[in-house]
């Protein structure tokens, strides 16, 4: 999912430090990408334990040694809890995240006993990490949330923040536990309600997620809940309801951040259905609200590529990865380079994915699904299979089923892959990449009729779903037709 999960140039992102302390400014987005490139080059020269130590050094380079929250947290534990400013902090977090973080840092320096502000700061860092691709923020978020709980044990704001943090690190069992504990204390906590939906979805417990979305809609109707409700419906194949709910959310969006968020979700939905012109209009609306909103830029690039504007897509994606080198846009850009014959540039993007996953793993993030998806097509197939199995063992979703199916197929075990490919499409969720994977697996397993149906469905649903994948699907269909 989840509607979450860029611009890292508008604020320092440093956590609060004592006024007299001096900490170096974190590097720009370009500096972080350069650090990733250096790490990727080193990674190509050697692997194993050396990579783990390099990842630690990379984390330092990515943050320029910025202090996480100032001190070691013991001063907060000794402090007497004060009156929370949670309402004002909530308002800050709903606006520009860099401004929110700077304001909250200033506030907690002045009011270090404000447990609500520490909780809001932790949550803001989680949200910022999801957009700027800097997993080191999760450690800062963890310390801020721990400080909030030291000041006011069991407060629901910090527990909801811990739920969001665990979800961002892909520890969805922990996210569910934290969300449930927060809701025991405050059944109307929007953050906890949303994290609970996210966790259930990402654990593959879709029926429970649907119930959780209904409860959240009754208790706290609004943009965050609407978007999650829509996604739950989409996962069950009900695109019409998902579209209607997202339009409702867009109508109720109160500010530029909400408009950008919901319009991007609508763009992604329409792009997945092959409606590229409509998707591009939604992305344009998102960018009119916030021209630096990277998920909208990424979505626009993918729609441009699908609609045949490969040059425009490359230009847009280059802007995205220069500011937020996350695996999704890196792989998309690499495939566009590969499609035009520039294999050297493509390999550089795939190497950056490896560098990012090493950094994320060092920051406590479970990256097995990201690893499986990237490595199956552009890396080590044995590593893809290991990662896909690990992801499947932890959470049995349509996405982990698809990843395991494709990794098995790429490892030459298509008969074993077929049940997982079928499971990935069993809920009614319509994704052209899933259908493409299923069709290729069916073809390899000798089920030509089923393969024709799956590949045709993929191209009918979203004919430009992937520059390389769509081309492979068409070639496979031609082979199947020639063999009839």
Protein backbone atom coordinates (compact mmCIF):
# COMPACT_ATOMS: atom_id res chain seq x y z
CA UNK A 1 0.00 0.00 0.00
CA UNK A 2 -0.37 1.95 1.27
CA UNK A 3 -0.98 5.53 0.23
CA UNK A 4 2.17 6.72 1.81
CA UNK A 5 4.50 5.63 0.41
CA UNK A 6 10.25 13.40 -1.52
CA UNK A 7 11.68 16.58 -1.73
CA UNK A 8 14.62 16.71 0.62
CA UNK A 9 15.87 20.12 -0.38
CA UNK A 10 13.60 22.35 1.64
CA UNK A 11 14.84 21.66 5.15
CA UNK A 12 17.79 20.38 7.05
CA UNK A 13 16.00 17.44 8.65
CA UNK A 14 18.24 17.63 11.72
CA UNK A 15 16.74 16.71 15.03
CA UNK A 16 16.72 19.01 17.97
CA UNK A 17 20.04 19.64 19.67
CA UNK A 18 20.89 21.86 22.64
CA UNK A 19 21.15 25.50 21.52
CA UNK A 20 24.89 25.62 22.17
CA UNK A 21 25.61 22.43 20.24
CA UNK A 22 26.72 22.59 16.64
CA UNK A 23 25.88 19.83 14.21
CA UNK A 24 26.80 19.67 10.55
CA UNK A 25 24.09 20.32 8.01
CA UNK A 26 22.85 17.13 6.37
CA UNK A 27 23.80 16.89 2.73
CA UNK A 28 21.52 17.90 -0.11
CA UNK A 29 19.54 15.35 -2.07
CA UNK A 30 22.30 15.39 -4.70
CA UNK A 31 24.84 14.70 -1.96
CA UNK A 32 22.88 11.68 -0.78
CA UNK A 33 22.66 10.32 -4.32
CA UNK A 34 26.42 10.80 -4.74
CA UNK A 35 26.94 8.86 -1.50
CA UNK A 36 24.78 6.06 -2.86
CA UNK A 37 26.77 6.03 -6.09
CA UNK A 38 30.06 5.74 -4.20
CA UNK A 39 28.67 2.90 -2.14
CA UNK A 40 27.29 1.16 -5.23
CA UNK A 41 30.73 1.33 -6.86
CA UNK A 42 32.31 -0.18 -3.74
CA UNK A 43 29.63 -2.85 -3.61
CA UNK A 44 30.45 -3.97 -7.14
CA UNK A 45 34.04 -4.57 -6.03
CA UNK A 46 33.21 -6.69 -3.00
CA UNK A 47 30.37 -8.24 -1.03
CA UNK A 48 29.73 -10.02 2.23
CA UNK A 49 30.61 -8.57 5.66
CA UNK A 50 32.40 -5.65 4.01
CA UNK A 51 29.06 -4.39 2.69
CA UNK A 52 27.55 -4.26 6.16
CA UNK A 53 30.34 -2.03 7.44
CA UNK A 54 30.12 0.10 4.30
CA UNK A 55 26.40 0.51 4.89
CA UNK A 56 27.08 1.99 8.30
CA UNK A 57 29.56 4.44 6.77
CA UNK A 58 27.03 5.22 4.06
CA UNK A 59 24.41 6.02 6.68
CA UNK A 60 26.83 8.52 8.21
CA UNK A 61 27.53 10.02 4.80
CA UNK A 62 23.82 10.29 4.03
CA UNK A 63 23.19 12.25 7.23
CA UNK A 64 26.54 14.06 7.50
CA UNK A 65 26.79 12.79 11.05
CA UNK A 66 23.67 14.66 12.16
CA UNK A 67 22.77 14.03 15.79
CA UNK A 68 19.52 12.12 16.01
CA UNK A 69 17.60 13.92 18.73
CA UNK A 70 20.29 15.50 20.86
CA UNK A 71 21.78 13.82 23.91
CA UNK A 72 21.06 10.21 24.74
CA UNK A 73 17.49 10.62 25.91
CA UNK A 74 18.28 10.29 29.62
CA UNK A 75 17.52 13.95 30.30
CA UNK A 76 14.01 13.42 28.97
CA UNK A 77 13.55 10.36 31.14
CA UNK A 78 14.45 12.41 34.20
CA UNK A 79 12.18 15.31 33.23
CA UNK A 80 8.74 15.80 34.70
CA UNK A 81 6.09 15.47 31.97
CA UNK A 82 4.54 18.77 31.03
CA UNK A 83 1.41 19.84 29.21
CA UNK A 84 1.28 18.48 25.68
CA UNK A 85 0.91 20.79 22.70
CA UNK A 86 -0.33 17.87 20.59
CA UNK A 87 -3.03 19.83 18.76
CA UNK A 88 -0.66 22.45 17.41
CA UNK A 89 1.88 19.77 16.58
CA UNK A 90 -0.75 17.86 14.61
CA UNK A 91 -1.50 20.93 12.57
CA UNK A 92 2.21 21.37 11.82
CA UNK A 93 2.63 17.78 10.64
CA UNK A 94 -0.31 18.14 8.25
CA UNK A 95 1.49 20.96 6.46
CA UNK A 96 4.92 21.03 4.82
CA UNK A 97 6.97 18.35 6.56
CA UNK A 98 10.28 20.18 6.48
CA UNK A 99 8.66 23.26 8.03
CA UNK A 100 6.92 21.01 10.56
CA UNK A 101 10.16 19.30 11.55
CA UNK A 102 12.02 22.58 11.97
CA UNK A 103 9.18 24.06 14.01
CA UNK A 104 8.92 21.00 16.21
CA UNK A 105 12.67 20.92 16.75
CA UNK A 106 12.54 24.54 17.90
CA UNK A 107 9.56 23.79 20.12
CA UNK A 108 11.11 20.80 21.91
CA UNK A 109 14.29 22.79 22.54
CA UNK A 110 12.14 25.38 24.27
CA UNK A 111 9.70 22.90 25.85
CA UNK A 112 11.67 19.67 26.31
CA UNK A 113 8.97 18.16 28.54
CA UNK A 114 6.25 18.32 25.90
CA UNK A 115 5.61 14.65 25.21
CA UNK A 116 3.06 15.42 22.47
CA UNK A 117 5.52 17.50 20.49
CA UNK A 118 8.17 14.75 20.75
CA UNK A 119 5.58 12.28 19.44
CA UNK A 120 4.67 14.61 16.58
CA UNK A 121 8.35 15.08 15.74
CA UNK A 122 8.86 11.32 15.57
CA UNK A 123 5.85 10.90 13.32
CA UNK A 124 6.98 13.75 11.07
CA UNK A 125 10.38 12.11 10.62
CA UNK A 126 8.69 8.83 9.63
CA UNK A 127 6.61 10.59 7.02
CA UNK A 128 9.60 12.52 5.70
CA UNK A 129 11.64 9.34 5.33
CA UNK A 130 8.92 7.85 3.20
CA UNK A 131 9.23 10.70 0.72
CA UNK A 132 12.92 11.63 0.70
CA UNK A 133 14.25 8.06 0.70
CA UNK A 134 16.50 8.56 3.73
CA UNK A 135 16.04 5.55 6.07
CA UNK A 136 18.36 7.13 8.65
CA UNK A 137 15.40 9.29 9.66
CA UNK A 138 13.80 6.22 11.19
CA UNK A 139 16.44 6.15 13.93
CA UNK A 140 15.73 9.81 14.70
CA UNK A 141 12.01 9.05 14.77
CA UNK A 142 12.59 6.11 17.12
CA UNK A 143 14.49 8.30 19.59
CA UNK A 144 11.91 11.08 19.50
CA UNK A 145 9.08 8.60 20.16
CA UNK A 146 11.06 6.96 22.97
CA UNK A 147 11.53 10.36 24.54
CA UNK A 148 7.79 11.01 24.36
CA UNK A 149 7.06 7.71 26.09
CA UNK A 150 9.69 8.41 28.75
CA UNK A 151 7.90 11.67 29.52
CA UNK A 152 4.38 10.18 29.44
CA UNK A 153 4.41 6.37 29.50
CA UNK A 154 1.73 4.78 27.34
CA UNK A 155 0.58 7.99 25.64
CA UNK A 156 -1.44 7.16 22.54
CA UNK A 157 0.30 9.73 20.33
CA UNK A 158 3.70 8.07 20.72
CA UNK A 159 2.22 4.57 20.41
CA UNK A 160 0.53 5.63 17.15
CA UNK A 161 3.87 7.04 16.03
CA UNK A 162 5.55 3.74 16.85
CA UNK A 163 2.91 1.98 14.75
CA UNK A 164 3.69 4.26 11.80
CA UNK A 165 7.43 3.72 12.31
CA UNK A 166 7.09 -0.06 12.44
CA UNK A 167 4.98 0.01 9.27
CA UNK A 168 7.57 2.18 7.52
CA UNK A 169 10.22 -0.37 8.47
CA UNK A 170 7.92 -3.12 7.13
CA UNK A 171 7.50 -4.74 10.54
CA UNK A 172 3.75 -5.00 10.18
CA UNK A 173 3.14 -7.36 13.09
CA UNK A 174 4.71 -4.78 15.42
CA UNK A 175 2.78 -2.00 13.68
CA UNK A 176 -0.49 -3.80 14.39
CA UNK A 177 0.46 -4.32 18.04
CA UNK A 178 1.37 -0.65 18.54
CA UNK A 179 -1.78 0.51 16.76
CA UNK A 180 -3.98 -1.72 18.90
CA UNK A 181 -2.32 -0.40 22.08
CA UNK A 182 -2.82 3.18 20.93
CA UNK A 183 -6.49 2.54 20.15
CA UNK A 184 -7.03 1.04 23.59
CA UNK A 185 -6.11 4.46 24.96
CA UNK A 186 -7.75 6.56 22.25
CA UNK A 187 -10.21 4.76 19.94
CA UNK A 188 -10.40 7.87 17.74
CA UNK A 189 -6.68 8.25 17.02
CA UNK A 190 -6.54 8.83 13.27
CA UNK A 191 -2.90 7.77 13.04
CA UNK A 192 -3.51 4.53 14.89
CA UNK A 193 -6.65 3.76 12.89
CA UNK A 194 -4.73 4.28 9.64
CA UNK A 195 -1.70 2.29 10.75
CA UNK A 196 -3.98 -0.55 11.76
CA UNK A 197 -5.46 -0.68 8.26
CA UNK A 198 -2.00 -0.52 6.72
CA UNK A 199 -0.69 -3.33 8.90
CA UNK A 200 -3.62 -5.65 8.20
CA UNK A 201 -3.33 -5.02 4.46
CA UNK A 202 0.40 -5.68 4.46
CA UNK A 203 -0.06 -8.85 6.49
CA UNK A 204 -2.51 -10.11 3.85
CA UNK A 205 -5.47 -10.04 6.24
CA UNK A 206 -7.72 -8.32 3.75
CA UNK A 207 -11.11 -9.14 5.29
CA UNK A 208 -9.95 -7.72 8.61
CA UNK A 209 -8.51 -4.70 6.83
CA UNK A 210 -11.89 -4.04 5.22
CA UNK A 211 -13.56 -4.13 8.64
CA UNK A 212 -10.87 -1.86 10.08
CA UNK A 213 -11.41 0.61 7.23
CA UNK A 214 -15.16 0.65 7.91
CA UNK A 215 -14.55 1.30 11.61
CA UNK A 216 -12.05 4.06 10.81
CA UNK A 217 -14.48 5.65 8.35
CA UNK A 218 -17.14 5.72 11.05
CA UNK A 219 -14.84 7.15 13.73
CA UNK A 220 -12.56 9.50 11.81
CA UNK A 221 -13.78 10.14 8.25
CA UNK A 222 -11.27 12.18 6.28
CA UNK A 223 -8.58 12.04 3.64
CA UNK A 224 -6.19 9.54 5.36
CA UNK A 225 -9.00 7.08 6.03
CA UNK A 226 -10.71 7.57 2.65
CA UNK A 227 -7.55 6.74 0.72
CA UNK A 228 -6.99 3.57 2.71
CA UNK A 229 -10.63 2.54 2.36
CA UNK A 230 -10.26 3.00 -1.40
CA UNK A 231 -7.13 0.87 -1.54
CA UNK A 232 -8.79 -1.96 0.37
CA UNK A 233 -11.61 -1.91 -2.18
CA UNK A 234 -9.12 -1.88 -5.06
CA UNK A 235 -7.35 -4.92 -3.63
CA UNK A 236 -10.66 -6.77 -3.80
CA UNK A 237 -11.21 -5.79 -7.43
CA UNK A 238 -13.78 -3.07 -6.76
CA UNK A 239 -12.16 -0.29 -8.78
CA UNK A 240 -15.44 1.58 -9.20
CA UNK A 241 -15.89 2.05 -5.45
CA UNK A 242 -12.21 2.88 -5.02
CA UNK A 243 -12.51 5.61 -7.66
CA UNK A 244 -15.68 7.02 -6.09
CA UNK A 245 -14.15 7.14 -2.62
CA UNK A 246 -11.00 8.85 -3.89
CA UNK A 247 -13.08 11.50 -5.66
CA UNK A 248 -14.92 12.01 -2.39
CA UNK A 249 -11.58 12.39 -0.64
CA UNK A 250 -10.39 14.89 -3.24
CA UNK A 251 -13.56 16.93 -2.79
CA UNK A 252 -12.92 17.07 0.94
CA UNK A 253 -9.20 17.86 0.69
CA UNK A 254 -8.59 20.99 2.73
CA UNK A 255 -5.09 22.06 1.68
CA UNK A 256 -2.41 21.64 -0.98
CA UNK A 257 -0.80 18.65 0.76
CA UNK A 258 -4.07 16.71 0.83
CA UNK A 259 -4.91 17.67 -2.75
CA UNK A 260 -1.50 16.48 -3.98
CA UNK A 261 -1.78 13.24 -2.00
CA UNK A 262 -5.28 12.29 -3.15
CA UNK A 263 -4.88 13.45 -6.76
CA UNK A 264 -1.76 11.29 -6.99
CA UNK A 265 -3.65 8.29 -5.60
CA UNK A 266 -6.32 8.85 -8.27
CA UNK A 267 -3.64 9.13 -10.93
CA UNK A 268 -2.08 5.86 -9.82
CA UNK A 269 -5.46 4.13 -9.86
CA UNK A 270 -6.28 5.34 -13.38
CA UNK A 271 -2.79 4.57 -14.70
CA UNK A 272 -3.15 1.01 -13.44
CA UNK A 273 -6.35 0.73 -15.48
CA UNK A 274 -4.63 1.98 -18.63
CA UNK A 275 -6.38 5.36 -18.58
CA UNK A 276 -3.28 7.43 -19.15
CA UNK A 277 -4.87 10.73 -20.19
CA UNK A 278 -7.05 10.72 -17.07
CA UNK A 279 -4.07 9.77 -14.92
CA UNK A 280 -1.99 12.61 -16.35
CA UNK A 281 -4.76 15.10 -15.53
CA UNK A 282 -4.78 13.93 -11.92
CA UNK A 283 -0.99 14.19 -11.68
CA UNK A 284 -1.19 17.69 -13.14
CA UNK A 285 -3.66 18.65 -10.44
CA UNK A 286 -1.40 17.19 -7.76
CA UNK A 287 1.59 19.13 -9.07
CA UNK A 288 -0.46 22.32 -9.34
CA UNK A 289 -1.07 21.95 -5.59
CA UNK A 290 2.57 21.06 -4.83
CA UNK A 291 5.04 21.20 -7.71
CA UNK A 292 7.67 19.40 -5.60
CA UNK A 293 5.51 16.37 -4.74
CA UNK A 294 7.69 13.50 -5.90
CA UNK A 295 5.05 10.72 -5.89
CA UNK A 296 3.10 12.81 -8.42
CA UNK A 297 6.22 13.35 -10.52
CA UNK A 298 6.98 9.64 -10.44
CA UNK A 299 3.40 8.80 -11.37
CA UNK A 300 3.48 11.30 -14.23
CA UNK A 301 6.71 9.79 -15.53
CA UNK A 302 5.25 6.28 -15.47
CA UNK A 303 2.13 7.49 -17.28
CA UNK A 304 4.27 9.30 -19.85
CA UNK A 305 6.24 6.13 -20.50
CA UNK A 306 3.10 4.04 -20.77
CA UNK A 307 1.59 6.56 -23.20
CA UNK A 308 4.65 6.47 -25.45
CA UNK A 309 6.52 9.57 -24.28
CA UNK A 310 9.69 7.74 -23.23
CA UNK A 311 11.93 10.81 -23.50
CA UNK A 312 9.62 12.86 -21.28
CA UNK A 313 9.41 9.98 -18.81
CA UNK A 314 13.19 9.72 -18.56
CA UNK A 315 13.54 13.46 -17.97
CA UNK A 316 10.93 13.38 -15.22
CA UNK A 317 12.32 10.28 -13.53
CA UNK A 318 15.81 11.72 -13.58
CA UNK A 319 14.43 14.62 -11.53
CA UNK A 320 12.80 12.18 -9.12
CA UNK A 321 15.81 9.95 -8.46
CA UNK A 322 18.11 12.96 -8.15
CA UNK A 323 16.09 13.96 -5.09
CA UNK A 324 14.79 10.63 -3.80
CA UNK A 325 16.72 7.51 -4.88
CA UNK A 326 14.09 4.92 -3.93
CA UNK A 327 13.96 1.46 -5.53
CA UNK A 328 10.73 1.97 -7.49
CA UNK A 329 11.78 4.99 -9.55
CA UNK A 330 15.36 3.72 -9.84
CA UNK A 331 14.19 0.46 -11.44
CA UNK A 332 11.70 2.32 -13.65
CA UNK A 333 14.42 4.67 -14.88
CA UNK A 334 16.84 1.79 -15.40
CA UNK A 335 14.31 -0.05 -17.53
CA UNK A 336 13.69 3.04 -19.64
CA UNK A 337 17.44 3.39 -20.22
CA UNK A 338 17.63 -0.30 -21.06
CA UNK A 339 14.70 0.02 -23.45
CA UNK A 340 16.52 2.69 -25.43
CA UNK A 341 19.73 0.63 -25.46
CA UNK A 342 21.73 2.48 -22.80
CA UNK A 343 22.75 -0.50 -20.70
CA UNK A 344 25.53 1.28 -18.80
CA UNK A 345 23.14 3.86 -17.40
CA UNK A 346 20.61 1.12 -16.66
CA UNK A 347 23.18 -0.85 -14.66
CA UNK A 348 24.00 2.25 -12.64
CA UNK A 349 20.35 2.60 -11.57
CA UNK A 350 20.14 -1.07 -10.58
CA UNK A 351 23.36 -0.73 -8.57
CA UNK A 352 21.84 2.24 -6.74
CA UNK A 353 18.92 0.01 -5.75
CA UNK A 354 21.41 -2.37 -4.11
CA UNK A 355 23.02 0.56 -2.32
CA UNK A 356 19.70 1.88 -1.06
CA UNK A 357 18.58 -1.53 0.23
CA UNK A 358 21.88 -1.93 2.10
CA UNK A 359 21.36 1.46 3.74
CA UNK A 360 17.74 0.70 4.55
CA UNK A 361 18.66 -2.66 6.06
CA UNK A 362 21.24 -0.91 8.25
CA UNK A 363 18.43 1.40 9.40
CA UNK A 364 16.25 -1.51 10.51
CA UNK A 365 14.02 -1.72 7.42
CA UNK A 366 12.87 -5.08 6.06
CA UNK A 367 13.81 -4.77 2.37
CA UNK A 368 13.21 -8.36 1.25
CA UNK A 369 10.28 -7.49 -1.01
CA UNK A 370 12.19 -4.63 -2.65
CA UNK A 371 15.20 -6.92 -3.09
CA UNK A 372 13.14 -9.72 -4.59
CA UNK A 373 11.41 -7.49 -7.11
CA UNK A 374 14.59 -5.77 -8.29
CA UNK A 375 16.90 -8.79 -8.25
CA UNK A 376 14.55 -11.13 -10.10
CA UNK A 377 14.83 -9.08 -13.28
CA UNK A 378 18.03 -7.11 -12.80
CA UNK A 379 20.23 -8.92 -10.32
CA UNK A 380 21.03 -12.25 -8.73
CA UNK A 381 18.13 -14.68 -9.18
CA UNK A 382 19.27 -16.78 -6.21
CA UNK A 383 19.20 -13.67 -4.01
CA UNK A 384 15.78 -12.77 -5.42
CA UNK A 385 14.44 -16.18 -4.45
CA UNK A 386 15.93 -16.01 -0.95
CA UNK A 387 14.42 -12.57 -0.38
CA UNK A 388 11.05 -13.52 -1.86
CA UNK A 389 10.78 -16.59 0.38
CA UNK A 390 11.67 -14.52 3.44
CA UNK A 391 9.06 -11.90 2.55
CA UNK A 392 6.41 -14.57 1.96
CA UNK A 393 7.18 -16.27 5.27
CA UNK A 394 6.54 -13.02 7.14
CA UNK A 395 3.47 -11.74 5.31
CA UNK A 396 1.29 -13.48 2.79
CA UNK A 397 -0.05 -10.76 0.52
CA UNK A 398 -0.80 -10.56 -3.18
CA UNK A 399 2.47 -8.66 -3.59
CA UNK A 400 4.64 -11.21 -1.81
CA UNK A 401 2.86 -14.03 -3.68
CA UNK A 402 3.65 -12.35 -6.99
CA UNK A 403 7.27 -11.71 -5.97
CA UNK A 404 7.78 -15.34 -4.93
CA UNK A 405 6.11 -16.62 -8.10
CA UNK A 406 8.33 -14.49 -10.31
CA UNK A 407 11.51 -15.30 -8.40
CA UNK A 408 10.77 -19.03 -8.70
CA UNK A 409 10.11 -18.65 -12.42
CA UNK A 410 13.31 -16.70 -12.98
CA UNK A 411 15.15 -19.46 -11.11
CA UNK A 412 13.74 -22.02 -13.59
CA UNK A 413 11.09 -23.45 -11.26
CA UNK A 414 7.92 -22.41 -13.10
CA UNK A 415 5.74 -25.36 -12.06
CA UNK A 416 6.45 -24.52 -8.42
CA UNK A 417 5.77 -20.84 -9.15
CA UNK A 418 2.30 -21.32 -10.65
CA UNK A 419 0.27 -21.67 -7.41
CA UNK A 420 1.78 -18.43 -6.10
CA UNK A 421 1.03 -16.61 -9.35
CA UNK A 422 -2.58 -17.75 -9.11
CA UNK A 423 -2.75 -16.66 -5.49
CA UNK A 424 -1.48 -13.19 -6.44
CA UNK A 425 -4.51 -12.71 -8.70
CA UNK A 426 -7.06 -14.52 -6.52
CA UNK A 427 -8.50 -11.56 -4.60
CA UNK A 428 -9.75 -9.79 -7.72
CA UNK A 429 -6.94 -7.23 -7.62
CA UNK A 430 -6.16 -6.31 -11.21
CA UNK A 431 -2.52 -5.51 -11.85
CA UNK A 432 -1.02 -5.88 -15.31
CA UNK A 433 2.41 -6.84 -13.96
CA UNK A 434 0.84 -9.66 -11.93
CA UNK A 435 -1.04 -10.89 -15.01
CA UNK A 436 2.11 -10.67 -17.10
CA UNK A 437 4.05 -12.71 -14.54
CA UNK A 438 1.27 -15.28 -14.36
CA UNK A 439 1.11 -15.55 -18.14
CA UNK A 440 4.85 -16.03 -18.54
CA UNK A 441 4.82 -18.67 -15.80
CA UNK A 442 1.88 -20.48 -17.43
CA UNK A 443 3.69 -20.43 -20.78
CA UNK A 444 6.83 -21.90 -19.22
CA UNK A 445 4.72 -24.56 -17.50
CA UNK A 446 3.18 -25.59 -20.82
CA UNK A 447 -0.27 -24.14 -20.15
CA UNK A 448 -0.52 -22.25 -23.43
CA UNK A 449 -4.23 -21.49 -23.37
CA UNK A 450 -4.08 -20.03 -19.86
CA UNK A 451 -0.94 -18.10 -20.79
CA UNK A 452 -2.66 -16.49 -23.78
CA UNK A 453 -5.56 -15.44 -21.58
CA UNK A 454 -3.33 -13.95 -18.86
CA UNK A 455 -1.00 -12.10 -21.23
CA UNK A 456 -3.89 -10.74 -23.26
CA UNK A 457 -5.58 -9.56 -20.07
CA UNK A 458 -2.39 -7.81 -18.93
CA UNK A 459 -2.02 -5.88 -22.18
CA UNK A 460 -5.72 -5.09 -22.41
CA UNK A 461 -5.78 -3.76 -18.85
CA UNK A 462 -2.63 -1.64 -19.04
CA UNK A 463 -0.77 -1.95 -22.36
CA UNK A 464 2.13 0.21 -21.17
CA UNK A 465 2.55 -1.24 -17.68
CA UNK A 466 6.34 -1.63 -18.14
CA UNK A 467 8.60 -0.82 -21.07
CA UNK A 468 10.38 -4.17 -20.81
CA UNK A 469 7.52 -6.23 -19.42
CA UNK A 470 4.97 -5.14 -22.02
CA UNK A 471 7.45 -5.88 -24.81
CA UNK A 472 8.11 -9.34 -23.35
CA UNK A 473 4.37 -10.00 -23.02
CA UNK A 474 3.77 -9.12 -26.68
CA UNK A 475 6.66 -11.30 -27.81
CA UNK A 476 5.37 -14.22 -25.74
CA UNK A 477 1.90 -13.84 -27.26
CA UNK A 478 3.41 -13.88 -30.73
CA UNK A 479 5.24 -17.10 -29.88
CA UNK A 480 2.05 -18.66 -28.56
CA UNK A 481 0.10 -17.68 -31.65
CA UNK A 482 2.83 -19.01 -33.95
CA UNK A 483 2.77 -22.36 -32.12
CA UNK A 484 -0.99 -22.88 -32.53
